């Protein structure tokens, strides 16, 4: 099939190795069950490392110990990361307490709050993997489709103190997640000991098909003026259009995605295109057809170019929209007006229309752990054990304590103060907006540090900000250990992407509300070189900015970097 410009849009793919693994997996079973029972190794079979992602887990190694273990002729120290599927990021107090305990007894004694509003357990060894999955299931949460070539965790703004539209958006996030959940029973058979099926013919995937999607798929719901979930970085974004406390429909954004590969020309970060408006009652039908189009047209040969953004650019956005409308049987309405103002979190107390209180908390890079003088994990567990609030994860690795009654606010506030969780003194605008991916020591893709390093770099950046009287100014800083984009570095007003140990590419100029990508400024910088650049850029910003001008807009306006792609509207 070719379009009017003679571009091949529906080619015959030479399927990648992973496509072959999915095809012969018997709907994601593979030999995972057998691998779990093989205690001669801490690992599972190579093919199963792809399949287990669909079950919400990644096999990892401790890269800090690679050389030592190799010298001792030991296999790498294998462990598993488990990611919990939790649409909208809302957990009960009981679930938080259970996860806190699981982290202590089955993992690394820390919880990671991710940029997709999910929990991650790190350091789970193979012999504890199944038991951890079962205990998660007892809490009425699971890890199905938290990873893999399917729809991932559905995100939405969940701080009800910010908008009366939040409850409806949260409910829809759960409905979308359930609708797009894989139908195979492999997860329940392998992890929950349900009876194995007699024949794989009893399994079917009406939306995904036998080989699922070509690559991962991400969906998020934004509620203007807040864009804390970076809606345009998702394969499919929904921008809520509401009146009073009712969502009437959504502007639809398609084709966002931030991953790229340094060595692969033709890979790039991309923001979504807004292609129209969808009434609320047609939203799930539209989402399903977008997913099916990606299933049918996505690249199954080169996984580095298999996300929806490449499918849309290969077909052309207008052609993709036409295909979508043909499948839907109706034409999308024109987008409604909206305005986004920030993609950061809102901290502090907010009272919702319901009369309940919501408290936005800063959790540095989403790592919940105890340190000397700062018992964050213990303090949050004390609050959870009260069972007087819920726990809402944000898209910026933060946390919102929600549904707090007037009568319980003082008791929770006292615990927050006792454990130095909130209020947080001396928190600069740069630090409270910073995001870092996990990177080393567990991520196999990382070239450089991120989460373990960025706090100390921010310490030094804060000194520069203080000298220019910018301490309280919100500036978006994002850091990742590789170019795959888990920490959304290309949407940072200042972005750092690891090239090698201690060296980073530096990007500047993203929009403060997530509506413009940043631009590569300098390559392979050391810490000394990063700080030298910022000692020039930040004082200049302080002196030359216009009233209310954001740092990303400033560096574009004065020509320090050229503006990059902004969101597009497709007629």
Protein backbone atom coordinates (compact mmCIF):
# COMPACT_ATOMS: atom_id res chain seq x y z
CA UNK A 1 0.00 0.00 0.00
CA UNK A 2 1.27 3.50 -0.86
CA UNK A 3 -0.09 6.99 -0.27
CA UNK A 4 -0.50 9.74 -2.86
CA UNK A 5 3.17 10.69 -2.48
CA UNK A 6 4.19 7.11 -3.30
CA UNK A 7 5.42 6.41 0.23
CA UNK A 8 5.08 2.83 1.35
CA UNK A 9 2.88 3.02 4.43
CA UNK A 10 1.87 -0.62 4.88
CA UNK A 11 5.00 -2.54 3.90
CA UNK A 12 5.71 -6.22 4.28
CA UNK A 13 7.88 -6.30 7.38
CA UNK A 14 10.78 -8.63 7.99
CA UNK A 15 9.76 -9.30 11.61
CA UNK A 16 12.27 -8.53 14.35
CA UNK A 17 13.50 -11.19 16.78
CA UNK A 18 11.09 -9.96 19.43
CA UNK A 19 8.17 -10.39 17.02
CA UNK A 20 9.20 -14.01 16.62
CA UNK A 21 9.36 -14.46 20.40
CA UNK A 22 5.85 -13.08 20.79
CA UNK A 23 4.51 -15.23 17.94
CA UNK A 24 5.68 -18.52 19.47
CA UNK A 25 5.02 -17.52 23.09
CA UNK A 26 1.52 -19.04 23.36
CA UNK A 27 0.05 -15.70 24.35
CA UNK A 28 2.94 -14.56 26.56
CA UNK A 29 3.60 -17.82 28.40
CA UNK A 30 6.88 -18.88 26.86
CA UNK A 31 8.91 -20.89 29.38
CA UNK A 32 8.57 -18.38 32.23
CA UNK A 33 7.02 -20.98 34.57
CA UNK A 34 9.91 -23.39 34.01
CA UNK A 35 12.47 -20.62 34.46
CA UNK A 36 11.06 -19.61 37.82
CA UNK A 37 11.52 -23.17 39.05
CA UNK A 38 15.16 -23.39 37.89
CA UNK A 39 17.08 -22.32 40.98
CA UNK A 40 20.49 -23.13 39.49
CA UNK A 41 20.58 -19.58 38.15
CA UNK A 42 19.20 -16.23 39.21
CA UNK A 43 18.13 -15.52 35.64
CA UNK A 44 15.42 -16.71 33.26
CA UNK A 45 15.77 -17.72 29.59
CA UNK A 46 16.70 -14.96 27.15
CA UNK A 47 13.42 -15.11 25.22
CA UNK A 48 11.49 -14.97 28.49
CA UNK A 49 13.20 -11.70 29.46
CA UNK A 50 11.12 -10.15 26.66
CA UNK A 51 7.90 -11.91 27.61
CA UNK A 52 8.11 -11.17 31.33
CA UNK A 53 7.88 -7.46 30.53
CA UNK A 54 4.22 -8.01 29.60
CA UNK A 55 3.77 -9.36 33.10
CA UNK A 56 5.19 -6.14 34.55
CA UNK A 57 8.77 -7.13 35.30
CA UNK A 58 12.29 -6.59 33.96
CA UNK A 59 15.28 -8.80 34.61
CA UNK A 60 18.19 -6.64 35.76
CA UNK A 61 21.71 -6.94 37.15
CA UNK A 62 23.67 -4.93 39.70
CA UNK A 63 26.09 -3.16 37.38
CA UNK A 64 28.14 -1.86 40.30
CA UNK A 65 29.27 -5.45 40.94
CA UNK A 66 29.82 -6.60 37.35
CA UNK A 67 33.62 -6.48 37.34
CA UNK A 68 34.00 -8.02 40.80
CA UNK A 69 31.64 -10.91 40.07
CA UNK A 70 33.21 -11.57 36.69
CA UNK A 71 36.66 -11.68 38.31
CA UNK A 72 35.34 -14.26 40.80
CA UNK A 73 33.79 -16.25 37.92
CA UNK A 74 30.29 -15.67 39.28
CA UNK A 75 27.26 -14.97 37.13
CA UNK A 76 25.96 -11.39 37.28
CA UNK A 77 23.89 -10.56 40.34
CA UNK A 78 20.46 -10.93 38.76
CA UNK A 79 17.31 -9.49 40.24
CA UNK A 80 13.96 -8.27 38.96
CA UNK A 81 12.15 -4.97 38.92
CA UNK A 82 8.37 -5.18 39.31
CA UNK A 83 6.19 -2.30 38.16
CA UNK A 84 2.64 -2.04 39.51
CA UNK A 85 -0.20 -1.15 37.16
CA UNK A 86 -2.17 1.56 38.93
CA UNK A 87 -4.24 3.74 36.56
CA UNK A 88 -4.24 7.36 37.66
CA UNK A 89 -1.72 6.52 40.38
CA UNK A 90 -4.19 6.26 43.27
CA UNK A 91 -3.47 3.73 46.04
CA UNK A 92 -5.32 3.17 49.29
CA UNK A 93 -3.57 3.51 52.63
CA UNK A 94 -3.77 -0.28 53.01
CA UNK A 95 -2.06 -0.79 49.67
CA UNK A 96 0.69 1.67 50.59
CA UNK A 97 1.32 -0.16 53.86
CA UNK A 98 1.52 -3.50 52.05
CA UNK A 99 3.92 -2.14 49.44
CA UNK A 100 6.07 -0.61 52.17
CA UNK A 101 6.28 -4.03 53.82
CA UNK A 102 6.95 -5.83 50.52
CA UNK A 103 9.79 -3.43 49.79
CA UNK A 104 11.32 -4.37 53.14
CA UNK A 105 10.87 -8.14 52.97
CA UNK A 106 11.05 -8.89 49.24
CA UNK A 107 12.93 -6.05 47.54
CA UNK A 108 15.55 -3.34 48.19
CA UNK A 109 13.66 -1.70 51.09
CA UNK A 110 12.79 1.28 48.92
CA UNK A 111 9.79 2.24 46.81
CA UNK A 112 10.23 4.04 43.51
CA UNK A 113 7.45 6.40 42.38
CA UNK A 114 7.76 6.57 38.60
CA UNK A 115 7.12 9.20 35.96
CA UNK A 116 4.09 7.12 34.86
CA UNK A 117 2.39 7.27 38.27
CA UNK A 118 3.35 3.68 39.09
CA UNK A 119 5.20 1.92 41.90
CA UNK A 120 8.40 0.02 41.21
CA UNK A 121 10.06 -2.58 43.41
CA UNK A 122 13.76 -3.09 42.75
CA UNK A 123 16.06 -5.92 43.75
CA UNK A 124 13.50 -8.76 43.87
CA UNK A 125 15.38 -12.04 43.52
CA UNK A 126 13.90 -14.80 41.40
CA UNK A 127 12.87 -17.11 44.23
CA UNK A 128 10.78 -14.28 45.74
CA UNK A 129 9.31 -13.04 42.46
CA UNK A 130 6.17 -15.16 42.38
CA UNK A 131 5.37 -14.60 46.05
CA UNK A 132 5.74 -10.83 45.57
CA UNK A 133 3.29 -10.92 42.64
CA UNK A 134 0.79 -12.90 44.72
CA UNK A 135 0.97 -10.52 47.68
CA UNK A 136 0.45 -7.57 45.30
CA UNK A 137 -2.64 -9.31 43.96
CA UNK A 138 -3.99 -9.66 47.50
CA UNK A 139 -4.03 -5.86 47.64
CA UNK A 140 -6.24 -5.82 44.50
CA UNK A 141 -3.41 -4.44 42.36
CA UNK A 142 -1.31 -6.23 39.78
CA UNK A 143 1.48 -5.68 37.26
CA UNK A 144 -0.29 -6.90 34.12
CA UNK A 145 0.76 -4.77 31.12
CA UNK A 146 2.82 -2.40 33.25
CA UNK A 147 5.56 -3.09 30.68
CA UNK A 148 5.69 -4.74 27.23
CA UNK A 149 4.26 -4.04 23.78
CA UNK A 150 0.81 -3.06 25.03
CA UNK A 151 -0.89 -0.05 26.53
CA UNK A 152 1.03 0.92 29.67
CA UNK A 153 -0.20 2.61 32.86
CA UNK A 154 -2.82 5.24 32.01
CA UNK A 155 -1.96 8.58 33.60
CA UNK A 156 -4.09 11.49 34.70
CA UNK A 157 -4.03 14.49 37.00
CA UNK A 158 -5.32 13.14 40.32
CA UNK A 159 -5.03 16.02 42.79
CA UNK A 160 -8.70 16.85 43.34
CA UNK A 161 -7.72 20.07 45.06
CA UNK A 162 -6.73 21.45 41.67
CA UNK A 163 -9.87 20.76 39.65
CA UNK A 164 -13.39 19.36 40.09
CA UNK A 165 -12.82 17.42 36.84
CA UNK A 166 -10.31 15.09 38.50
CA UNK A 167 -12.77 12.39 39.69
CA UNK A 168 -14.17 11.91 36.17
CA UNK A 169 -10.70 11.84 34.62
CA UNK A 170 -9.52 9.30 37.17
CA UNK A 171 -12.54 7.08 36.55
CA UNK A 172 -11.89 7.21 32.79
CA UNK A 173 -8.23 6.30 33.29
CA UNK A 174 -9.36 3.08 34.98
CA UNK A 175 -11.90 2.34 32.25
CA UNK A 176 -9.30 2.85 29.51
CA UNK A 177 -6.83 0.64 31.33
CA UNK A 178 -9.38 -2.14 31.76
CA UNK A 179 -10.56 -1.88 28.16
CA UNK A 180 -7.03 -2.21 26.76
CA UNK A 181 -5.84 -4.87 29.20
CA UNK A 182 -4.50 -8.00 27.47
CA UNK A 183 -7.04 -10.83 27.60
CA UNK A 184 -4.57 -13.71 27.84
CA UNK A 185 -4.82 -15.67 31.06
CA UNK A 186 -1.06 -16.28 31.14
CA UNK A 187 -0.50 -13.86 34.05
CA UNK A 188 -3.03 -15.60 36.28
CA UNK A 189 -1.72 -19.04 35.39
CA UNK A 190 1.96 -18.28 35.97
CA UNK A 191 1.79 -16.00 38.99
CA UNK A 192 -1.50 -16.85 40.72
CA UNK A 193 -1.49 -20.63 40.15
CA UNK A 194 -4.75 -20.76 38.26
CA UNK A 195 -5.26 -23.94 36.21
CA UNK A 196 -3.38 -23.98 32.92
CA UNK A 197 -5.48 -23.87 29.80
CA UNK A 198 -5.76 -27.08 27.81
CA UNK A 199 -5.26 -25.26 24.52
CA UNK A 200 -4.02 -21.86 23.52
CA UNK A 201 -7.07 -21.68 21.23
CA UNK A 202 -9.05 -20.64 24.30
CA UNK A 203 -7.01 -17.43 24.41
CA UNK A 204 -7.59 -14.54 22.03
CA UNK A 205 -6.68 -10.88 21.88
CA UNK A 206 -9.47 -9.02 20.06
CA UNK A 207 -7.66 -5.68 20.22
CA UNK A 208 -3.98 -6.63 20.13
CA UNK A 209 -3.89 -9.83 18.10
CA UNK A 210 -1.44 -12.68 18.64
CA UNK A 211 1.69 -10.51 18.38
CA UNK A 212 0.35 -7.52 20.34
CA UNK A 213 1.64 -4.05 19.38
CA UNK A 214 4.94 -3.34 17.64
CA UNK A 215 6.09 -1.41 20.71
CA UNK A 216 4.83 0.12 23.96
CA UNK A 217 1.86 2.49 23.92
CA UNK A 218 1.24 5.32 26.40
CA UNK A 219 -1.93 7.25 27.22
CA UNK A 220 -2.42 10.23 29.53
CA UNK A 221 -5.23 12.62 30.51
CA UNK A 222 -4.45 16.28 31.23
CA UNK A 223 -6.78 18.73 32.96
CA UNK A 224 -5.96 22.32 31.92
CA UNK A 225 -4.27 24.45 33.04
CA UNK A 226 -2.21 21.58 34.52
CA UNK A 227 -0.01 19.35 32.41
CA UNK A 228 1.74 17.45 35.18
CA UNK A 229 1.53 14.25 33.12
CA UNK A 230 3.21 15.81 30.01
CA UNK A 231 0.30 14.93 27.76
CA UNK A 232 2.14 15.64 24.48
CA UNK A 233 4.87 13.12 25.26
CA UNK A 234 2.35 10.27 25.03
CA UNK A 235 1.34 8.16 22.04
CA UNK A 236 -2.20 9.31 22.76
CA UNK A 237 -3.08 12.30 24.89
CA UNK A 238 -6.46 13.47 26.10
CA UNK A 239 -6.88 17.13 27.08
CA UNK A 240 -10.03 17.48 29.16
CA UNK A 241 -12.57 20.09 28.11
CA UNK A 242 -15.12 20.60 30.86
CA UNK A 243 -17.78 22.79 32.29
CA UNK A 244 -18.31 23.15 36.04
CA UNK A 245 -17.52 19.67 37.40
CA UNK A 246 -18.28 17.71 34.22
CA UNK A 247 -15.93 16.64 31.43
CA UNK A 248 -17.71 17.17 28.12
CA UNK A 249 -14.98 15.72 25.93
CA UNK A 250 -11.31 15.78 25.03
CA UNK A 251 -8.94 17.29 22.52
CA UNK A 252 -7.05 14.34 21.07
CA UNK A 253 -3.26 14.40 20.70
CA UNK A 254 -1.48 11.54 18.90
CA UNK A 255 2.12 10.63 18.14
CA UNK A 256 4.09 11.82 21.14
CA UNK A 257 7.15 9.94 22.34
CA UNK A 258 10.56 10.96 23.66
CA UNK A 259 12.83 7.97 23.10
CA UNK A 260 15.70 8.12 20.62
CA UNK A 261 18.97 6.29 19.94
CA UNK A 262 22.30 8.11 19.56
CA UNK A 263 23.57 5.68 16.92
CA UNK A 264 20.36 5.38 14.90
CA UNK A 265 19.66 8.20 12.48
CA UNK A 266 15.97 8.77 12.03
CA UNK A 267 15.10 8.34 15.69
CA UNK A 268 13.96 11.43 17.54
CA UNK A 269 11.74 12.80 20.30
CA UNK A 270 8.38 14.06 19.08
CA UNK A 271 5.43 15.90 20.58
CA UNK A 272 1.90 14.85 19.72
CA UNK A 273 -0.30 16.41 17.06
CA UNK A 274 -3.77 17.63 18.05
CA UNK A 275 -6.13 16.13 15.48
CA UNK A 276 -9.57 16.98 16.85
CA UNK A 277 -12.11 16.89 19.64
CA UNK A 278 -13.87 13.76 20.91
CA UNK A 279 -17.10 13.81 22.95
CA UNK A 280 -16.76 11.97 26.26
CA UNK A 281 -19.01 9.06 25.29
CA UNK A 282 -16.94 8.27 22.18
CA UNK A 283 -13.53 8.47 23.83
CA UNK A 284 -12.84 4.78 24.40
CA UNK A 285 -14.01 3.87 20.89
CA UNK A 286 -11.59 6.40 19.40
CA UNK A 287 -8.73 5.19 21.60
CA UNK A 288 -9.31 1.57 20.56
CA UNK A 289 -9.14 2.45 16.87
CA UNK A 290 -5.91 4.43 17.31
CA UNK A 291 -4.40 1.40 19.05
CA UNK A 292 -5.59 -0.90 16.25
CA UNK A 293 -4.12 1.38 13.60
CA UNK A 294 -0.77 1.19 15.35
CA UNK A 295 -1.18 -2.59 15.58
CA UNK A 296 -1.78 -2.83 11.83
CA UNK A 297 0.60 -0.16 10.49
CA UNK A 298 3.42 0.03 13.04
CA UNK A 299 6.98 -0.98 12.19
CA UNK A 300 7.57 -4.61 13.23
CA UNK A 301 11.06 -4.80 11.75
CA UNK A 302 13.06 -2.16 13.63
CA UNK A 303 11.96 -1.74 17.26
CA UNK A 304 13.85 1.53 17.52
CA UNK A 305 11.43 3.00 14.97
CA UNK A 306 8.26 1.21 15.96
CA UNK A 307 6.44 3.71 18.20
CA UNK A 308 3.28 5.42 16.97
CA UNK A 309 5.18 8.65 16.28
CA UNK A 310 7.12 6.95 13.47
CA UNK A 311 3.95 5.36 12.08
CA UNK A 312 2.31 8.78 11.90
CA UNK A 313 5.33 10.42 10.30
CA UNK A 314 5.60 7.59 7.77
CA UNK A 315 1.92 7.79 6.81
CA UNK A 316 1.60 11.53 7.35
CA UNK A 317 -0.56 12.99 10.15
CA UNK A 318 -3.44 13.91 7.83
CA UNK A 319 -3.45 10.46 6.24
CA UNK A 320 -3.45 8.85 9.68
CA UNK A 321 -6.36 11.02 10.76
CA UNK A 322 -8.26 10.03 7.60
CA UNK A 323 -7.67 6.34 8.28
CA UNK A 324 -8.87 6.82 11.86
CA UNK A 325 -12.06 8.57 10.78
CA UNK A 326 -12.74 5.88 8.17
CA UNK A 327 -12.54 3.20 10.83
CA UNK A 328 -14.64 5.20 13.28
CA UNK A 329 -17.32 6.02 10.74
CA UNK A 330 -17.46 9.66 11.78
CA UNK A 331 -15.34 12.82 11.51
CA UNK A 332 -13.62 14.31 14.54
CA UNK A 333 -14.79 17.75 15.62
CA UNK A 334 -12.45 20.73 15.62
CA UNK A 335 -10.33 21.09 18.79
CA UNK A 336 -11.72 23.24 21.59
CA UNK A 337 -9.77 26.10 23.12
CA UNK A 338 -7.58 25.30 26.12
CA UNK A 339 -4.54 26.66 27.93
CA UNK A 340 -1.80 24.79 29.76
CA UNK A 341 0.37 26.71 32.21
CA UNK A 342 2.72 24.24 33.89
CA UNK A 343 3.88 20.63 33.76
CA UNK A 344 5.19 20.68 37.33
CA UNK A 345 3.53 19.51 40.52
CA UNK A 346 1.60 21.79 42.86
CA UNK A 347 2.83 21.45 46.44
CA UNK A 348 1.05 22.22 49.67
CA UNK A 349 -2.52 21.98 50.92
CA UNK A 350 -5.49 22.31 48.55
CA UNK A 351 -9.15 21.92 49.48
CA UNK A 352 -11.35 20.12 46.96
CA UNK A 353 -14.93 20.89 46.04
CA UNK A 354 -15.88 17.82 48.09
CA UNK A 355 -14.55 19.51 51.24
CA UNK A 356 -11.66 17.03 51.56
CA UNK A 357 -8.02 18.13 51.73
CA UNK A 358 -5.21 17.16 49.34
CA UNK A 359 -1.52 17.72 50.07
CA UNK A 360 1.13 17.77 47.35
CA UNK A 361 4.48 16.45 48.62
CA UNK A 362 7.99 16.66 47.22
CA UNK A 363 9.66 13.23 46.96
CA UNK A 364 13.12 13.69 45.45
CA UNK A 365 13.18 11.68 42.22
CA UNK A 366 10.39 9.46 43.58
CA UNK A 367 12.66 7.40 45.84
CA UNK A 368 10.92 6.52 49.10
CA UNK A 369 13.58 5.41 51.56
CA UNK A 370 14.95 6.12 55.01
CA UNK A 371 18.21 8.00 55.41
CA UNK A 372 20.03 9.26 58.45
CA UNK A 373 18.06 12.25 59.72
CA UNK A 374 15.29 11.83 57.13
CA UNK A 375 13.02 8.82 57.75
CA UNK A 376 10.73 9.39 54.76
CA UNK A 377 9.67 5.76 54.32
CA UNK A 378 8.95 5.31 58.02
CA UNK A 379 7.00 8.56 58.23
CA UNK A 380 4.78 7.76 55.25
CA UNK A 381 4.16 4.28 56.65
CA UNK A 382 3.03 5.84 59.96
CA UNK A 383 0.57 8.00 58.00
CA UNK A 384 -0.64 5.02 55.95
CA UNK A 385 -1.26 3.00 59.09
CA UNK A 386 -3.68 5.68 60.28
CA UNK A 387 -5.87 4.78 57.27
CA UNK A 388 -7.14 8.37 57.07
CA UNK A 389 -6.01 9.31 53.56
CA UNK A 390 -5.12 7.80 50.21
CA UNK A 391 -1.82 8.05 48.32
CA UNK A 392 -1.77 9.56 44.83
CA UNK A 393 1.33 9.37 42.66
CA UNK A 394 2.08 12.21 40.25
CA UNK A 395 3.70 12.20 36.83
CA UNK A 396 6.69 14.05 38.28
CA UNK A 397 7.64 11.37 40.82
CA UNK A 398 5.78 13.24 43.53
CA UNK A 399 3.03 12.23 45.95
CA UNK A 400 -0.35 13.62 46.95
CA UNK A 401 -2.02 12.64 50.21
CA UNK A 402 -5.70 12.76 49.36
CA UNK A 403 -9.23 12.55 50.76
CA UNK A 404 -8.23 14.00 54.15
CA UNK A 405 -11.10 15.07 56.39
CA UNK A 406 -10.94 18.32 58.36
CA UNK A 407 -10.82 16.37 61.63
CA UNK A 408 -7.77 14.35 60.50
CA UNK A 409 -5.69 17.14 58.99
CA UNK A 410 -3.87 18.13 62.20
CA UNK A 411 -2.91 14.54 63.07
CA UNK A 412 -1.44 13.94 59.61
CA UNK A 413 0.27 17.34 59.65
CA UNK A 414 1.92 16.49 62.96
CA UNK A 415 3.42 13.28 61.54
CA UNK A 416 4.60 15.10 58.42
CA UNK A 417 6.37 17.66 60.59
CA UNK A 418 7.80 15.03 62.96
CA UNK A 419 9.46 13.18 60.09
CA UNK A 420 10.50 16.36 58.24
CA UNK A 421 8.39 15.43 55.21
CA UNK A 422 6.38 18.66 54.99
CA UNK A 423 6.81 21.58 55.09
CA UNK A 424 10.18 21.28 53.37
CA UNK A 425 12.65 24.05 54.14
CA UNK A 426 15.11 25.48 51.60
CA UNK A 427 13.56 23.75 48.59
CA UNK A 428 14.65 25.66 45.48
CA UNK A 429 12.46 26.04 42.41
CA UNK A 430 14.95 23.98 40.43
CA UNK A 431 15.06 21.10 42.91
CA UNK A 432 11.32 20.78 43.38
CA UNK A 433 10.82 20.52 39.59
CA UNK A 434 13.70 18.13 38.88
CA UNK A 435 13.16 14.61 37.52
CA UNK A 436 15.71 11.81 37.18
CA UNK A 437 15.33 8.26 35.89
CA UNK A 438 16.71 5.27 37.82
CA UNK A 439 19.72 4.76 35.50
CA UNK A 440 22.73 3.09 37.19
CA UNK A 441 23.10 0.74 38.90
CA UNK A 442 20.20 -1.42 37.70
CA UNK A 443 19.16 -0.14 34.25
CA UNK A 444 20.94 -2.08 31.51
CA UNK A 445 20.55 0.80 29.04
CA UNK A 446 22.14 3.54 31.15
CA UNK A 447 25.43 5.11 30.08
CA UNK A 448 25.63 7.44 33.07
CA UNK A 449 24.17 8.18 36.49
CA UNK A 450 20.91 10.07 36.95
CA UNK A 451 18.89 9.49 40.16
CA UNK A 452 21.97 8.87 42.31
CA UNK A 453 23.79 11.92 40.90
CA UNK A 454 21.30 14.70 40.18
CA UNK A 455 20.70 15.71 43.84
CA UNK A 456 24.37 16.58 44.29
CA UNK A 457 24.44 18.44 40.97
CA UNK A 458 21.37 20.42 42.05
CA UNK A 459 23.27 21.38 45.23
CA UNK A 460 25.86 23.08 43.03
CA UNK A 461 23.28 24.58 40.67
CA UNK A 462 21.44 26.01 43.68
CA UNK A 463 24.57 27.97 44.59
CA UNK A 464 24.56 29.59 41.14
CA UNK A 465 20.84 30.31 41.40
CA UNK A 466 21.28 31.93 44.82
CA UNK A 467 23.98 34.26 43.50
CA UNK A 468 21.55 35.46 40.83
CA UNK A 469 18.58 35.59 43.22
CA UNK A 470 16.80 32.83 41.29
CA UNK A 471 16.39 30.36 44.15
CA UNK A 472 12.61 30.60 44.20
CA UNK A 473 12.15 30.59 40.42
CA UNK A 474 10.68 27.41 38.97
CA UNK A 475 13.06 25.94 36.37
CA UNK A 476 12.48 22.48 34.89
CA UNK A 477 15.56 20.25 35.07
CA UNK A 478 15.41 16.68 33.78
CA UNK A 479 18.19 14.07 33.73
CA UNK A 480 18.41 10.57 32.23
CA UNK A 481 21.23 8.07 32.00
CA UNK A 482 20.54 7.36 28.32
CA UNK A 483 18.55 8.87 25.43
CA UNK A 484 15.47 6.66 25.82
CA UNK A 485 13.59 9.40 27.62
CA UNK A 486 12.17 7.73 30.76
CA UNK A 487 12.68 10.94 32.73
CA UNK A 488 11.34 13.07 29.85
CA UNK A 489 14.64 14.98 29.46
CA UNK A 490 13.65 16.57 26.16
CA UNK A 491 10.89 18.48 27.94
CA UNK A 492 13.23 20.05 30.47
CA UNK A 493 14.07 23.72 30.21
CA UNK A 494 17.48 22.28 31.09
CA UNK A 495 17.89 18.64 30.06
CA UNK A 496 20.80 16.29 30.66
CA UNK A 497 21.15 13.01 28.76
CA UNK A 498 23.97 10.62 29.68
CA UNK A 499 26.60 9.82 27.03
CA UNK A 500 29.16 8.04 29.20
CA UNK A 501 30.05 7.85 32.87
CA UNK A 502 30.22 11.46 34.11
CA UNK A 503 29.44 12.98 30.68
CA UNK A 504 26.12 14.43 29.51
CA UNK A 505 24.58 16.10 26.50
CA UNK A 506 22.96 19.36 27.59
CA UNK A 507 19.65 20.52 26.12
CA UNK A 508 17.95 23.90 26.56
CA UNK A 509 14.70 25.64 25.73
CA UNK A 510 11.68 23.42 26.36
CA UNK A 511 8.37 25.10 27.07
CA UNK A 512 7.39 25.39 30.73
CA UNK A 513 4.01 23.77 30.07
CA UNK A 514 5.37 20.91 27.97
CA UNK A 515 4.32 22.36 24.61
CA UNK A 516 7.82 22.66 23.05
CA UNK A 517 10.83 20.32 22.93
CA UNK A 518 14.26 21.53 23.95
CA UNK A 519 17.34 21.79 21.69
CA UNK A 520 20.76 20.16 21.93
CA UNK A 521 23.08 22.88 23.26
CA UNK A 522 26.41 21.20 24.05
CA UNK A 523 27.61 17.59 23.91
CA UNK A 524 29.55 15.33 26.28
CA UNK A 525 29.95 17.80 29.13
CA UNK A 526 31.56 17.00 32.47
CA UNK A 527 30.17 18.39 35.71
CA UNK A 528 32.72 21.19 35.65
CA UNK A 529 31.69 22.10 32.09
CA UNK A 530 27.98 21.95 32.94
CA UNK A 531 28.44 24.32 35.87
CA UNK A 532 30.62 26.65 33.77
CA UNK A 533 27.84 26.94 31.19
CA UNK A 534 25.19 27.58 33.83
CA UNK A 535 27.37 30.25 35.51
CA UNK A 536 26.96 32.22 32.28
CA UNK A 537 23.39 31.29 31.31
CA UNK A 538 21.59 31.74 34.64
CA UNK A 539 22.98 35.18 35.56
CA UNK A 540 22.21 36.35 32.04
CA UNK A 541 18.65 35.10 32.43
CA UNK A 542 18.31 36.96 35.72
CA UNK A 543 19.46 40.23 34.16
CA UNK A 544 17.86 40.11 30.69
CA UNK A 545 14.54 38.29 31.10
CA UNK A 546 11.24 39.97 30.51
CA UNK A 547 8.70 40.12 33.30
CA UNK A 548 7.28 36.63 33.89
CA UNK A 549 9.48 35.07 31.19
CA UNK A 550 10.44 31.45 31.76
CA UNK A 551 14.00 30.22 31.34
CA UNK A 552 13.15 28.00 28.38
CA UNK A 553 11.44 30.86 26.56
CA UNK A 554 14.33 33.20 27.34
CA UNK A 555 17.08 31.04 25.82
CA UNK A 556 14.99 30.71 22.66
CA UNK A 557 14.11 34.41 22.44
CA UNK A 558 17.69 35.65 22.76
CA UNK A 559 19.01 33.07 20.29
CA UNK A 560 21.03 30.84 22.62
CA UNK A 561 19.27 27.88 20.99
CA UNK A 562 16.91 27.53 18.06
CA UNK A 563 13.32 26.64 18.93
CA UNK A 564 12.38 23.01 18.43
CA UNK A 565 9.14 21.32 17.53
CA UNK A 566 6.00 22.58 19.22
CA UNK A 567 2.63 20.87 19.29
CA UNK A 568 0.93 20.82 15.88
CA UNK A 569 -2.73 21.10 14.94
CA UNK A 570 -3.83 18.83 12.08
CA UNK A 571 -6.94 19.89 10.16
